[in-house]
Amino acid sequence: MAKNEKRIQVTLACEQCKRRNYITTKNKINDRERIEMQKFCRWDRQHTLHKETR
């Protein structure tokens, strides 16, 4: 059985150091815009804004 094609993998990049730290999934039908989350950046050692990259 095929995996659900409505959920796609997206990469989250830190806004301060520009490194791609996280990979997560999102529903591309319900969430059309790019994701923005407060996540921990281990290089900056603090919680920073992470945005979805393409």
PDB file of N, CA and C in Angstrom:
ATOM      1  N   MET A   1       0.839  -1.180   0.000  1.00  0.00           N
ATOM      2  CA  MET A   1       0.000   0.000   0.000  1.00  0.00           C
ATOM      3  C   MET A   1       0.887   1.248   0.000  1.00  0.00           C
ATOM      4  N   ALA A   2       0.551   2.208  -0.823  1.00  0.00           N
ATOM      5  CA  ALA A   2       1.365   3.420  -0.956  1.00  0.00           C
ATOM      6  C   ALA A   2       1.178   4.337   0.248  1.00  0.00           C
ATOM      7  N   LYS A   3       2.209   5.093   0.520  1.00  0.00           N
ATOM      8  CA  LYS A   3       2.132   6.067   1.599  1.00  0.00           C
ATOM      9  C   LYS A   3       1.226   7.226   1.184  1.00  0.00           C
ATOM     10  N   ASN A   4       0.624   7.881   2.151  1.00  0.00           N
ATOM     11  CA  ASN A   4      -0.304   8.975   1.881  1.00  0.00           C
ATOM     12  C   ASN A   4       0.423  10.134   1.181  1.00  0.00           C
ATOM     13  N   GLU A   5      -0.035  10.509   0.020  1.00  0.00           N
ATOM     14  CA  GLU A   5       0.624  11.555  -0.766  1.00  0.00           C
ATOM     15  C   GLU A   5       0.168  12.957  -0.390  1.00  0.00           C
ATOM     16  N   LYS A   6      -0.764  13.074   0.526  1.00  0.00           N
ATOM     17  CA  LYS A   6      -1.210  14.394   0.976  1.00  0.00           C
ATOM     18  C   LYS A   6      -0.213  15.020   1.947  1.00  0.00           C
ATOM     19  N   ARG A   7       0.549  14.171   2.651  1.00  0.00           N
ATOM     20  CA  ARG A   7       1.561  14.658   3.594  1.00  0.00           C
ATOM     21  C   ARG A   7       2.917  14.613   2.912  1.00  0.00           C
ATOM     22  N   ILE A   8       3.622  15.745   2.964  1.00  0.00           N
ATOM     23  CA  ILE A   8       4.935  15.835   2.333  1.00  0.00           C
ATOM     24  C   ILE A   8       5.982  16.182   3.384  1.00  0.00           C
ATOM     25  N   GLN A   9       7.230  15.820   3.103  1.00  0.00           N
ATOM     26  CA  GLN A   9       8.335  16.172   3.988  1.00  0.00           C
ATOM     27  C   GLN A   9       8.817  17.573   3.654  1.00  0.00           C
ATOM     28  N   VAL A  10       9.068  18.358   4.699  1.00  0.00           N
ATOM     29  CA  VAL A  10       9.600  19.703   4.524  1.00  0.00           C
ATOM     30  C   VAL A  10      10.815  19.865   5.439  1.00  0.00           C
ATOM     31  N   THR A  11      11.726  20.720   5.040  1.00  0.00           N
ATOM     32  CA  THR A  11      12.934  20.997   5.810  1.00  0.00           C
ATOM     33  C   THR A  11      12.804  22.369   6.446  1.00  0.00           C
ATOM     34  N   LEU A  12      13.171  22.464   7.720  1.00  0.00           N
ATOM     35  CA  LEU A  12      13.125  23.735   8.437  1.00  0.00           C
ATOM     36  C   LEU A  12      14.542  24.264   8.608  1.00  0.00           C
ATOM     37  N   ALA A  13      14.743  25.539   8.246  1.00  0.00           N
ATOM     38  CA  ALA A  13      16.055  26.172   8.345  1.00  0.00           C
ATOM     39  C   ALA A  13      16.003  27.304   9.360  1.00  0.00           C
ATOM     40  N   CYS A  14      17.078  27.436  10.126  1.00  0.00           N
ATOM     41  CA  CYS A  14      17.194  28.491  11.127  1.00  0.00           C
ATOM     42  C   CYS A  14      17.349  29.839  10.426  1.00  0.00           C
ATOM     43  N   GLU A  15      16.697  30.850  10.964  1.00  0.00           N
ATOM     44  CA  GLU A  15      16.769  32.186  10.371  1.00  0.00           C
ATOM     45  C   GLU A  15      18.053  32.921  10.740  1.00  0.00           C
ATOM     46  N   GLN A  16      18.708  32.533  11.819  1.00  0.00           N
ATOM     47  CA  GLN A  16      19.935  33.228  12.220  1.00  0.00           C
ATOM     48  C   GLN A  16      21.174  32.621  11.570  1.00  0.00           C
ATOM     49  N   CYS A  17      21.347  31.308  11.688  1.00  0.00           N
ATOM     50  CA  CYS A  17      22.555  30.683  11.146  1.00  0.00           C
ATOM     51  C   CYS A  17      22.340  30.092   9.752  1.00  0.00           C
ATOM     52  N   LYS A  18      21.096  30.036   9.283  1.00  0.00           N
ATOM     53  CA  LYS A  18      20.725  29.546   7.942  1.00  0.00           C
ATOM     54  C   LYS A  18      20.990  28.059   7.732  1.00  0.00           C
ATOM     55  N   ARG A  19      21.187  27.311   8.805  1.00  0.00           N
ATOM     56  CA  ARG A  19      21.406  25.867   8.673  1.00  0.00           C
ATOM     57  C   ARG A  19      20.075  25.139   8.695  1.00  0.00           C
ATOM     58  N   ARG A  20      20.031  24.036   7.977  1.00  0.00           N
ATOM     59  CA  ARG A  20      18.817  23.223   7.904  1.00  0.00           C
ATOM     60  C   ARG A  20      18.882  22.184   9.013  1.00  0.00           C
ATOM     61  N   ASN A  21      18.100  22.408  10.070  1.00  0.00           N
ATOM     62  CA  ASN A  21      18.213  21.615  11.284  1.00  0.00           C
ATOM     63  C   ASN A  21      17.169  20.520  11.420  1.00  0.00           C
ATOM     64  N   TYR A  22      15.974  20.712  10.895  1.00  0.00           N
ATOM     65  CA  TYR A  22      14.877  19.796  11.144  1.00  0.00           C
ATOM     66  C   TYR A  22      14.205  19.368   9.852  1.00  0.00           C
ATOM     67  N   ILE A  23      13.679  18.135   9.856  1.00  0.00           N
ATOM     68  CA  ILE A  23      12.823  17.638   8.789  1.00  0.00           C
ATOM     69  C   ILE A  23      11.519  17.209   9.444  1.00  0.00           C
ATOM     70  N   THR A  24      10.400  17.668   8.897  1.00  0.00           N
ATOM     71  CA  THR A  24       9.095  17.338   9.438  1.00  0.00           C
ATOM     72  C   THR A  24       8.128  17.117   8.280  1.00  0.00           C
ATOM     73  N   THR A  25       6.893  16.774   8.593  1.00  0.00           N
ATOM     74  CA  THR A  25       5.890  16.571   7.550  1.00  0.00           C
ATOM     75  C   THR A  25       4.765  17.575   7.742  1.00  0.00           C
ATOM     76  N   LYS A  26       4.095  17.872   6.633  1.00  0.00           N
ATOM     77  CA  LYS A  26       2.929  18.735   6.712  1.00  0.00           C
ATOM     78  C   LYS A  26       1.918  18.274   5.670  1.00  0.00           C
ATOM     79  N   ASN A  27       0.673  18.609   5.898  1.00  0.00           N
ATOM     80  CA  ASN A  27      -0.390  18.298   4.963  1.00  0.00           C
ATOM     81  C   ASN A  27      -0.446  19.417   3.935  1.00  0.00           C
ATOM     82  N   LYS A  28      -0.126  19.106   2.681  1.00  0.00           N
ATOM     83  CA  LYS A  28      -0.042  20.162   1.670  1.00  0.00           C
ATOM     84  C   LYS A  28      -1.399  20.682   1.223  1.00  0.00           C
ATOM     85  N   ILE A  29      -2.464  19.977   1.554  1.00  0.00           N
ATOM     86  CA  ILE A  29      -3.805  20.461   1.205  1.00  0.00           C
ATOM     87  C   ILE A  29      -4.299  21.468   2.246  1.00  0.00           C
ATOM     88  N   ASN A  30      -4.110  21.163   3.523  1.00  0.00           N
ATOM     89  CA  ASN A  30      -4.593  22.049   4.591  1.00  0.00           C
ATOM     90  C   ASN A  30      -3.652  23.209   4.861  1.00  0.00           C
ATOM     91  N   ASP A  31      -2.354  23.011   4.708  1.00  0.00           N
ATOM     92  CA  ASP A  31      -1.344  24.025   5.021  1.00  0.00           C
ATOM     93  C   ASP A  31      -0.628  24.442   3.744  1.00  0.00           C
ATOM     94  N   ARG A  32      -1.181  25.431   3.053  1.00  0.00           N
ATOM     95  CA  ARG A  32      -0.606  25.887   1.796  1.00  0.00           C
ATOM     96  C   ARG A  32       0.624  26.758   1.998  1.00  0.00           C
ATOM     97  N   GLU A  33       0.636  27.564   3.051  1.00  0.00           N
ATOM     98  CA  GLU A  33       1.736  28.500   3.289  1.00  0.00           C
ATOM     99  C   GLU A  33       2.926  27.760   3.884  1.00  0.00           C
ATOM    100  N   ARG A  34       4.059  28.440   3.883  1.00  0.00           N
ATOM    101  CA  ARG A  34       5.260  27.865   4.483  1.00  0.00           C
ATOM    102  C   ARG A  34       5.159  27.886   6.003  1.00  0.00           C
ATOM    103  N   ILE A  35       5.688  26.850   6.627  1.00  0.00           N
ATOM    104  CA  ILE A  35       5.630  26.699   8.081  1.00  0.00           C
ATOM    105  C   ILE A  35       6.700  27.569   8.742  1.00  0.00           C
ATOM    106  N   GLU A  36       6.348  28.172   9.867  1.00  0.00           N
ATOM    107  CA  GLU A  36       7.288  28.902  10.724  1.00  0.00           C
ATOM    108  C   GLU A  36       7.110  28.401  12.148  1.00  0.00           C
ATOM    109  N   MET A  37       8.203  27.976  12.772  1.00  0.00           N
ATOM    110  CA  MET A  37       8.141  27.443  14.132  1.00  0.00           C
ATOM    111  C   MET A  37       9.309  27.944  14.953  1.00  0.00           C
ATOM    112  N   GLN A  38       9.094  28.041  16.257  1.00  0.00           N
ATOM    113  CA  GLN A  38      10.179  28.314  17.191  1.00  0.00           C
ATOM    114  C   GLN A  38      10.784  26.973  17.583  1.00  0.00           C
ATOM    115  N   LYS A  39      12.029  26.729  17.173  1.00  0.00           N
ATOM    116  CA  LYS A  39      12.705  25.480  17.465  1.00  0.00           C
ATOM    117  C   LYS A  39      14.082  25.782  18.047  1.00  0.00           C
ATOM    118  N   PHE A  40      14.675  24.772  18.680  1.00  0.00           N
ATOM    119  CA  PHE A  40      15.999  24.932  19.274  1.00  0.00           C
ATOM    120  C   PHE A  40      17.063  24.728  18.210  1.00  0.00           C
ATOM    121  N   CYS A  41      17.968  25.694  18.084  1.00  0.00           N
ATOM    122  CA  CYS A  41      19.103  25.584  17.165  1.00  0.00           C
ATOM    123  C   CYS A  41      20.325  25.209  17.997  1.00  0.00           C
ATOM    124  N   ARG A  42      20.922  24.060  17.704  1.00  0.00           N
ATOM    125  CA  ARG A  42      22.043  23.614  18.534  1.00  0.00           C
ATOM    126  C   ARG A  42      23.326  24.365  18.255  1.00  0.00           C
ATOM    127  N   TRP A  43      23.419  25.063  17.133  1.00  0.00           N
ATOM    128  CA  TRP A  43      24.605  25.868  16.848  1.00  0.00           C
ATOM    129  C   TRP A  43      24.517  27.236  17.520  1.00  0.00           C
ATOM    130  N   ASP A  44      23.325  27.816  17.583  1.00  0.00           N
ATOM    131  CA  ASP A  44      23.132  29.084  18.295  1.00  0.00           C
ATOM    132  C   ASP A  44      22.877  28.865  19.783  1.00  0.00           C
ATOM    133  N   ARG A  45      22.501  27.645  20.151  1.00  0.00           N
ATOM    134  CA  ARG A  45      22.188  27.255  21.527  1.00  0.00           C
ATOM    135  C   ARG A  45      21.070  28.089  22.134  1.00  0.00           C
ATOM    136  N   GLN A  46      20.042  28.328  21.327  1.00  0.00           N
ATOM    137  CA  GLN A  46      18.848  29.033  21.809  1.00  0.00           C
ATOM    138  C   GLN A  46      17.690  28.727  20.877  1.00  0.00           C
ATOM    139  N   HIS A  47      16.501  29.051  21.330  1.00  0.00           N
ATOM    140  CA  HIS A  47      15.319  28.874  20.496  1.00  0.00           C
ATOM    141  C   HIS A  47      15.247  30.029  19.492  1.00  0.00           C
ATOM    142  N   THR A  48      15.149  29.677  18.217  1.00  0.00           N
ATOM    143  CA  THR A  48      15.085  30.670  17.151  1.00  0.00           C
ATOM    144  C   THR A  48      13.953  30.310  16.200  1.00  0.00           C
ATOM    145  N   LEU A  49      13.608  31.233  15.326  1.00  0.00           N
ATOM    146  CA  LEU A  49      12.581  31.008  14.331  1.00  0.00           C
ATOM    147  C   LEU A  49      13.149  30.148  13.213  1.00  0.00           C
ATOM    148  N   HIS A  50      12.440  29.072  12.887  1.00  0.00           N
ATOM    149  CA  HIS A  50      12.816  28.195  11.783  1.00  0.00           C
ATOM    150  C   HIS A  50      11.715  28.265  10.735  1.00  0.00           C
ATOM    151  N   LYS A  51      12.110  28.441   9.473  1.00  0.00           N
ATOM    152  CA  LYS A  51      11.149  28.529   8.368  1.00  0.00           C
ATOM    153  C   LYS A  51      11.347  27.398   7.399  1.00  0.00           C
ATOM    154  N   GLU A  52      10.266  27.064   6.736  1.00  0.00           N
ATOM    155  CA  GLU A  52      10.305  25.989   5.742  1.00  0.00           C
ATOM    156  C   GLU A  52      11.110  26.426   4.525  1.00  0.00           C
ATOM    157  N   THR A  53      11.962  25.512   4.044  1.00  0.00           N
ATOM    158  CA  THR A  53      12.723  25.764   2.820  1.00  0.00           C
ATOM    159  C   THR A  53      12.236  24.818   1.736  1.00  0.00           C
ATOM    160  N   ARG A  54      12.557  25.116   0.519  1.00  0.00           N
ATOM    161  CA  ARG A  54      12.136  24.269  -0.595  1.00  0.00           C
ATOM    162  C   ARG A  54      13.319  23.555  -1.196  1.00  0.00           C
TER     163      ARG A  54
END
